């Protein structure tokens, strides 16, 4: 289970160093095999352990190539999906197309989202958090049934 926001620097080759606290669980669960793709709703990337990604692929395989919305989702998620292994130093290489999609510079945020990570440019992440907090304070959002039942 991945949680928390971690500030990380990309190296000159576009490698992301996975924080130490996640390395052994990733090695245990998937031998360090990860898949990264784009988020179709946000300017960030999604990084999955391989077994979690395979569940997404199974869902995508059930989509029809004759339904434009389903075909579009397959094209974007599978087209950008890049599989790789953590190296011995716990780094994962982000391809140039992925870095361009998320507008990643040197400073990035690795944000745990239970079964995956989001990868954000640090400045875009800060702006997104500010926007999300503003929306929460203003109450200008649709309160779903699950949110109505949620309490801290």
C-alpha atoms as a PDB file:
ATOM      1  CA  UNK A   1       0.000   0.000   0.000  1.00  0.00           C
ATOM      2  CA  UNK A   2       1.496   3.294  -1.112  1.00  0.00           C
ATOM      3  CA  UNK A   3       0.796   6.545   0.702  1.00  0.00           C
ATOM      4  CA  UNK A   4       2.405   9.913   1.194  1.00  0.00           C
ATOM      5  CA  UNK A   5       3.981  12.547  -1.029  1.00  0.00           C
ATOM      6  CA  UNK A   6       7.730  12.318  -1.604  1.00  0.00           C
ATOM      7  CA  UNK A   7       9.876  15.051  -3.156  1.00  0.00           C
ATOM      8  CA  UNK A   8      12.392  13.473  -5.547  1.00  0.00           C
ATOM      9  CA  UNK A   9      14.821  14.724  -8.188  1.00  0.00           C
ATOM     10  CA  UNK A  10      15.035  13.190 -11.651  1.00  0.00           C
ATOM     11  CA  UNK A  11      18.602  12.589 -12.724  1.00  0.00           C
ATOM     12  CA  UNK A  12      20.017  13.742 -16.075  1.00  0.00           C
ATOM     13  CA  UNK A  13      18.899  10.484 -17.749  1.00  0.00           C
ATOM     14  CA  UNK A  14      15.297  10.842 -16.538  1.00  0.00           C
ATOM     15  CA  UNK A  15      15.561   8.259 -13.770  1.00  0.00           C
ATOM     16  CA  UNK A  16      13.426   8.494 -10.662  1.00  0.00           C
ATOM     17  CA  UNK A  17      14.825   7.121  -7.393  1.00  0.00           C
ATOM     18  CA  UNK A  18      12.102   5.170  -5.612  1.00  0.00           C
ATOM     19  CA  UNK A  19      12.184   6.045  -1.882  1.00  0.00           C
ATOM     20  CA  UNK A  20      13.888   3.402   0.242  1.00  0.00           C
ATOM     21  CA  UNK A  21      10.728   2.567   2.215  1.00  0.00           C
ATOM     22  CA  UNK A  22       9.031   1.308  -0.983  1.00  0.00           C
ATOM     23  CA  UNK A  23      11.935  -0.571  -2.547  1.00  0.00           C
ATOM     24  CA  UNK A  24      11.797  -3.841  -0.608  1.00  0.00           C
ATOM     25  CA  UNK A  25       7.994  -4.150  -0.841  1.00  0.00           C
ATOM     26  CA  UNK A  26       8.263  -3.601  -4.609  1.00  0.00           C
ATOM     27  CA  UNK A  27      11.035  -6.185  -4.874  1.00  0.00           C
ATOM     28  CA  UNK A  28       8.983  -8.652  -2.807  1.00  0.00           C
ATOM     29  CA  UNK A  29       5.710  -8.069  -4.673  1.00  0.00           C
ATOM     30  CA  UNK A  30       6.876  -7.743  -8.270  1.00  0.00           C
ATOM     31  CA  UNK A  31      10.676  -8.153  -8.423  1.00  0.00           C
ATOM     32  CA  UNK A  32      10.905  -4.400  -9.029  1.00  0.00           C
ATOM     33  CA  UNK A  33       8.958  -4.668 -12.306  1.00  0.00           C
ATOM     34  CA  UNK A  34       6.920  -1.505 -12.828  1.00  0.00           C
ATOM     35  CA  UNK A  35       4.717  -0.028 -15.536  1.00  0.00           C
ATOM     36  CA  UNK A  36       4.309   3.699 -16.059  1.00  0.00           C
ATOM     37  CA  UNK A  37       1.631   5.360 -18.189  1.00  0.00           C
ATOM     38  CA  UNK A  38      -0.146   8.688 -18.453  1.00  0.00           C
ATOM     39  CA  UNK A  39      -3.089   9.885 -16.433  1.00  0.00           C
ATOM     40  CA  UNK A  40      -5.773  10.815 -18.974  1.00  0.00           C
ATOM     41  CA  UNK A  41      -7.406  13.340 -16.620  1.00  0.00           C
ATOM     42  CA  UNK A  42      -4.389  15.098 -15.093  1.00  0.00           C
ATOM     43  CA  UNK A  43      -0.940  16.247 -16.132  1.00  0.00           C
ATOM     44  CA  UNK A  44       0.788  13.464 -14.237  1.00  0.00           C
ATOM     45  CA  UNK A  45       1.960   9.879 -14.660  1.00  0.00           C
ATOM     46  CA  UNK A  46       0.734   6.666 -13.068  1.00  0.00           C
ATOM     47  CA  UNK A  47       3.318   4.139 -11.862  1.00  0.00           C
ATOM     48  CA  UNK A  48       2.063   0.622 -11.121  1.00  0.00           C
ATOM     49  CA  UNK A  49       3.698  -2.536  -9.813  1.00  0.00           C
ATOM     50  CA  UNK A  50       3.418  -5.028 -12.681  1.00  0.00           C
ATOM     51  CA  UNK A  51       0.704  -7.215 -11.052  1.00  0.00           C
ATOM     52  CA  UNK A  52      -1.503  -4.142 -10.481  1.00  0.00           C
ATOM     53  CA  UNK A  53      -0.968  -3.019 -14.082  1.00  0.00           C
ATOM     54  CA  UNK A  54      -1.878  -6.472 -15.384  1.00  0.00           C
ATOM     55  CA  UNK A  55      -5.289  -6.052 -13.721  1.00  0.00           C
ATOM     56  CA  UNK A  56      -5.733  -2.762 -15.607  1.00  0.00           C
ATOM     57  CA  UNK A  57      -4.715  -4.464 -18.862  1.00  0.00           C
ATOM     58  CA  UNK A  58      -7.287  -7.186 -18.282  1.00  0.00           C
ATOM     59  CA  UNK A  59      -9.996  -4.533 -17.923  1.00  0.00           C
ATOM     60  CA  UNK A  60      -8.738  -2.717 -21.022  1.00  0.00           C
ATOM     61  CA  UNK A  61      -8.737  -5.952 -23.034  1.00  0.00           C
ATOM     62  CA  UNK A  62     -12.500  -6.193 -22.543  1.00  0.00           C
ATOM     63  CA  UNK A  63     -13.074  -2.830 -24.238  1.00  0.00           C
ATOM     64  CA  UNK A  64     -14.332  -2.794 -27.801  1.00  0.00           C
ATOM     65  CA  UNK A  65     -12.140  -1.286 -30.494  1.00  0.00           C
ATOM     66  CA  UNK A  66     -15.382  -0.327 -32.257  1.00  0.00           C
ATOM     67  CA  UNK A  67     -16.537   2.032 -29.476  1.00  0.00           C
ATOM     68  CA  UNK A  68     -14.631   5.319 -29.868  1.00  0.00           C
ATOM     69  CA  UNK A  69     -14.402   6.175 -26.147  1.00  0.00           C
ATOM     70  CA  UNK A  70     -13.171   2.680 -25.256  1.00  0.00           C
ATOM     71  CA  UNK A  71     -10.701   2.652 -28.152  1.00  0.00           C
ATOM     72  CA  UNK A  72      -9.391   6.068 -27.099  1.00  0.00           C
ATOM     73  CA  UNK A  73      -8.773   4.868 -23.537  1.00  0.00           C
ATOM     74  CA  UNK A  74      -6.944   1.765 -24.823  1.00  0.00           C
ATOM     75  CA  UNK A  75      -4.862   3.877 -27.201  1.00  0.00           C
ATOM     76  CA  UNK A  76      -3.796   6.362 -24.538  1.00  0.00           C
ATOM     77  CA  UNK A  77      -3.161   4.049 -21.603  1.00  0.00           C
ATOM     78  CA  UNK A  78      -1.594   1.185 -23.537  1.00  0.00           C
ATOM     79  CA  UNK A  79       0.160   3.411 -26.049  1.00  0.00           C
ATOM     80  CA  UNK A  80       2.058   5.247 -23.329  1.00  0.00           C
ATOM     81  CA  UNK A  81       2.566   2.226 -21.049  1.00  0.00           C
ATOM     82  CA  UNK A  82       6.255   1.610 -20.470  1.00  0.00           C
ATOM     83  CA  UNK A  83       7.465  -1.409 -18.545  1.00  0.00           C
ATOM     84  CA  UNK A  84      10.775  -1.399 -16.743  1.00  0.00           C
ATOM     85  CA  UNK A  85      12.687  -2.678 -13.762  1.00  0.00           C
ATOM     86  CA  UNK A  86      14.046  -0.829 -10.784  1.00  0.00           C
ATOM     87  CA  UNK A  87      17.820  -0.903 -11.042  1.00  0.00           C
ATOM     88  CA  UNK A  88      20.109  -1.943  -8.182  1.00  0.00           C
ATOM     89  CA  UNK A  89      20.003   1.623  -6.857  1.00  0.00           C
ATOM     90  CA  UNK A  90      16.182   1.654  -6.797  1.00  0.00           C
ATOM     91  CA  UNK A  91      15.841   3.906  -9.837  1.00  0.00           C
ATOM     92  CA  UNK A  92      13.217   3.671 -12.580  1.00  0.00           C
ATOM     93  CA  UNK A  93      13.712   5.227 -16.022  1.00  0.00           C
ATOM     94  CA  UNK A  94      10.884   7.466 -17.255  1.00  0.00           C
ATOM     95  CA  UNK A  95      10.777   7.617 -21.038  1.00  0.00           C
ATOM     96  CA  UNK A  96      10.967  10.960 -22.799  1.00  0.00           C
ATOM     97  CA  UNK A  97       7.319  10.820 -24.032  1.00  0.00           C
ATOM     98  CA  UNK A  98       6.143  10.195 -20.472  1.00  0.00           C
ATOM     99  CA  UNK A  99       8.261  13.037 -19.070  1.00  0.00           C
ATOM    100  CA  UNK A 100       6.948  15.361 -21.791  1.00  0.00           C
ATOM    101  CA  UNK A 101       3.301  14.457 -21.101  1.00  0.00           C
ATOM    102  CA  UNK A 102       3.641  15.297 -17.401  1.00  0.00           C
ATOM    103  CA  UNK A 103       5.900  18.320 -18.059  1.00  0.00           C
ATOM    104  CA  UNK A 104       8.445  16.870 -15.641  1.00  0.00           C
ATOM    105  CA  UNK A 105      11.474  18.919 -14.735  1.00  0.00           C
ATOM    106  CA  UNK A 106      14.156  17.997 -12.244  1.00  0.00           C
ATOM    107  CA  UNK A 107      11.961  18.330  -9.133  1.00  0.00           C
ATOM    108  CA  UNK A 108       9.074  15.852  -9.025  1.00  0.00           C
ATOM    109  CA  UNK A 109       6.614  14.490  -6.498  1.00  0.00           C
ATOM    110  CA  UNK A 110       5.952  10.769  -6.084  1.00  0.00           C
ATOM    111  CA  UNK A 111       2.500  10.507  -4.519  1.00  0.00           C
ATOM    112  CA  UNK A 112       1.215   7.227  -3.082  1.00  0.00           C
ATOM    113  CA  UNK A 113      -2.308   6.274  -4.151  1.00  0.00           C
ATOM    114  CA  UNK A 114      -2.801   2.891  -2.452  1.00  0.00           C
ATOM    115  CA  UNK A 115      -2.043   0.503  -5.372  1.00  0.00           C
ATOM    116  CA  UNK A 116      -0.025   2.923  -7.510  1.00  0.00           C
ATOM    117  CA  UNK A 117       1.939   6.159  -7.481  1.00  0.00           C
ATOM    118  CA  UNK A 118       1.233   9.419  -9.237  1.00  0.00           C
ATOM    119  CA  UNK A 119       4.285  11.267 -10.546  1.00  0.00           C
ATOM    120  CA  UNK A 120       3.927  15.046 -10.798  1.00  0.00           C
ATOM    121  CA  UNK A 121       6.154  17.958 -11.652  1.00  0.00           C
ATOM    122  CA  UNK A 122       6.657  19.627  -8.238  1.00  0.00           C
ATOM    123  CA  UNK A 123       5.230  22.996  -9.340  1.00  0.00           C
ATOM    124  CA  UNK A 124       2.194  21.439 -11.043  1.00  0.00           C
ATOM    125  CA  UNK A 125       1.615  19.291  -7.932  1.00  0.00           C
ATOM    126  CA  UNK A 126       1.653  22.360  -5.675  1.00  0.00           C
ATOM    127  CA  UNK A 127      -0.843  24.142  -7.944  1.00  0.00           C
ATOM    128  CA  UNK A 128      -3.090  21.050  -8.022  1.00  0.00           C
ATOM    129  CA  UNK A 129      -3.082  20.753  -4.230  1.00  0.00           C
ATOM    130  CA  UNK A 130      -3.952  24.451  -3.928  1.00  0.00           C
ATOM    131  CA  UNK A 131      -6.817  24.040  -6.411  1.00  0.00           C
ATOM    132  CA  UNK A 132      -8.088  20.911  -4.630  1.00  0.00           C
ATOM    133  CA  UNK A 133      -7.979  22.631  -1.237  1.00  0.00           C
ATOM    134  CA  UNK A 134      -9.811  25.658  -2.645  1.00  0.00           C
ATOM    135  CA  UNK A 135     -12.528  23.408  -4.077  1.00  0.00           C
ATOM    136  CA  UNK A 136     -12.883  21.617  -0.725  1.00  0.00           C
ATOM    137  CA  UNK A 137     -13.144  24.890   1.214  1.00  0.00           C
ATOM    138  CA  UNK A 138     -15.670  26.356  -1.202  1.00  0.00           C
ATOM    139  CA  UNK A 139     -17.751  23.196  -1.235  1.00  0.00           C
ATOM    140  CA  UNK A 140     -18.291  23.657  -4.970  1.00  0.00           C
ATOM    141  CA  UNK A 141     -18.234  19.987  -5.912  1.00  0.00           C
ATOM    142  CA  UNK A 142     -20.659  17.115  -6.244  1.00  0.00           C
ATOM    143  CA  UNK A 143     -20.905  15.130  -3.028  1.00  0.00           C
ATOM    144  CA  UNK A 144     -21.194  11.502  -4.107  1.00  0.00           C
ATOM    145  CA  UNK A 145     -22.874   8.888  -1.961  1.00  0.00           C
ATOM    146  CA  UNK A 146     -19.470   7.455  -0.963  1.00  0.00           C
ATOM    147  CA  UNK A 147     -18.278  10.918   0.096  1.00  0.00           C
ATOM    148  CA  UNK A 148     -21.441  11.496   2.110  1.00  0.00           C
ATOM    149  CA  UNK A 149     -20.680   8.357   4.122  1.00  0.00           C
ATOM    150  CA  UNK A 150     -16.977   9.201   4.577  1.00  0.00           C
ATOM    151  CA  UNK A 151     -15.742  10.630   7.874  1.00  0.00           C
ATOM    152  CA  UNK A 152     -12.334  11.127   9.444  1.00  0.00           C
END
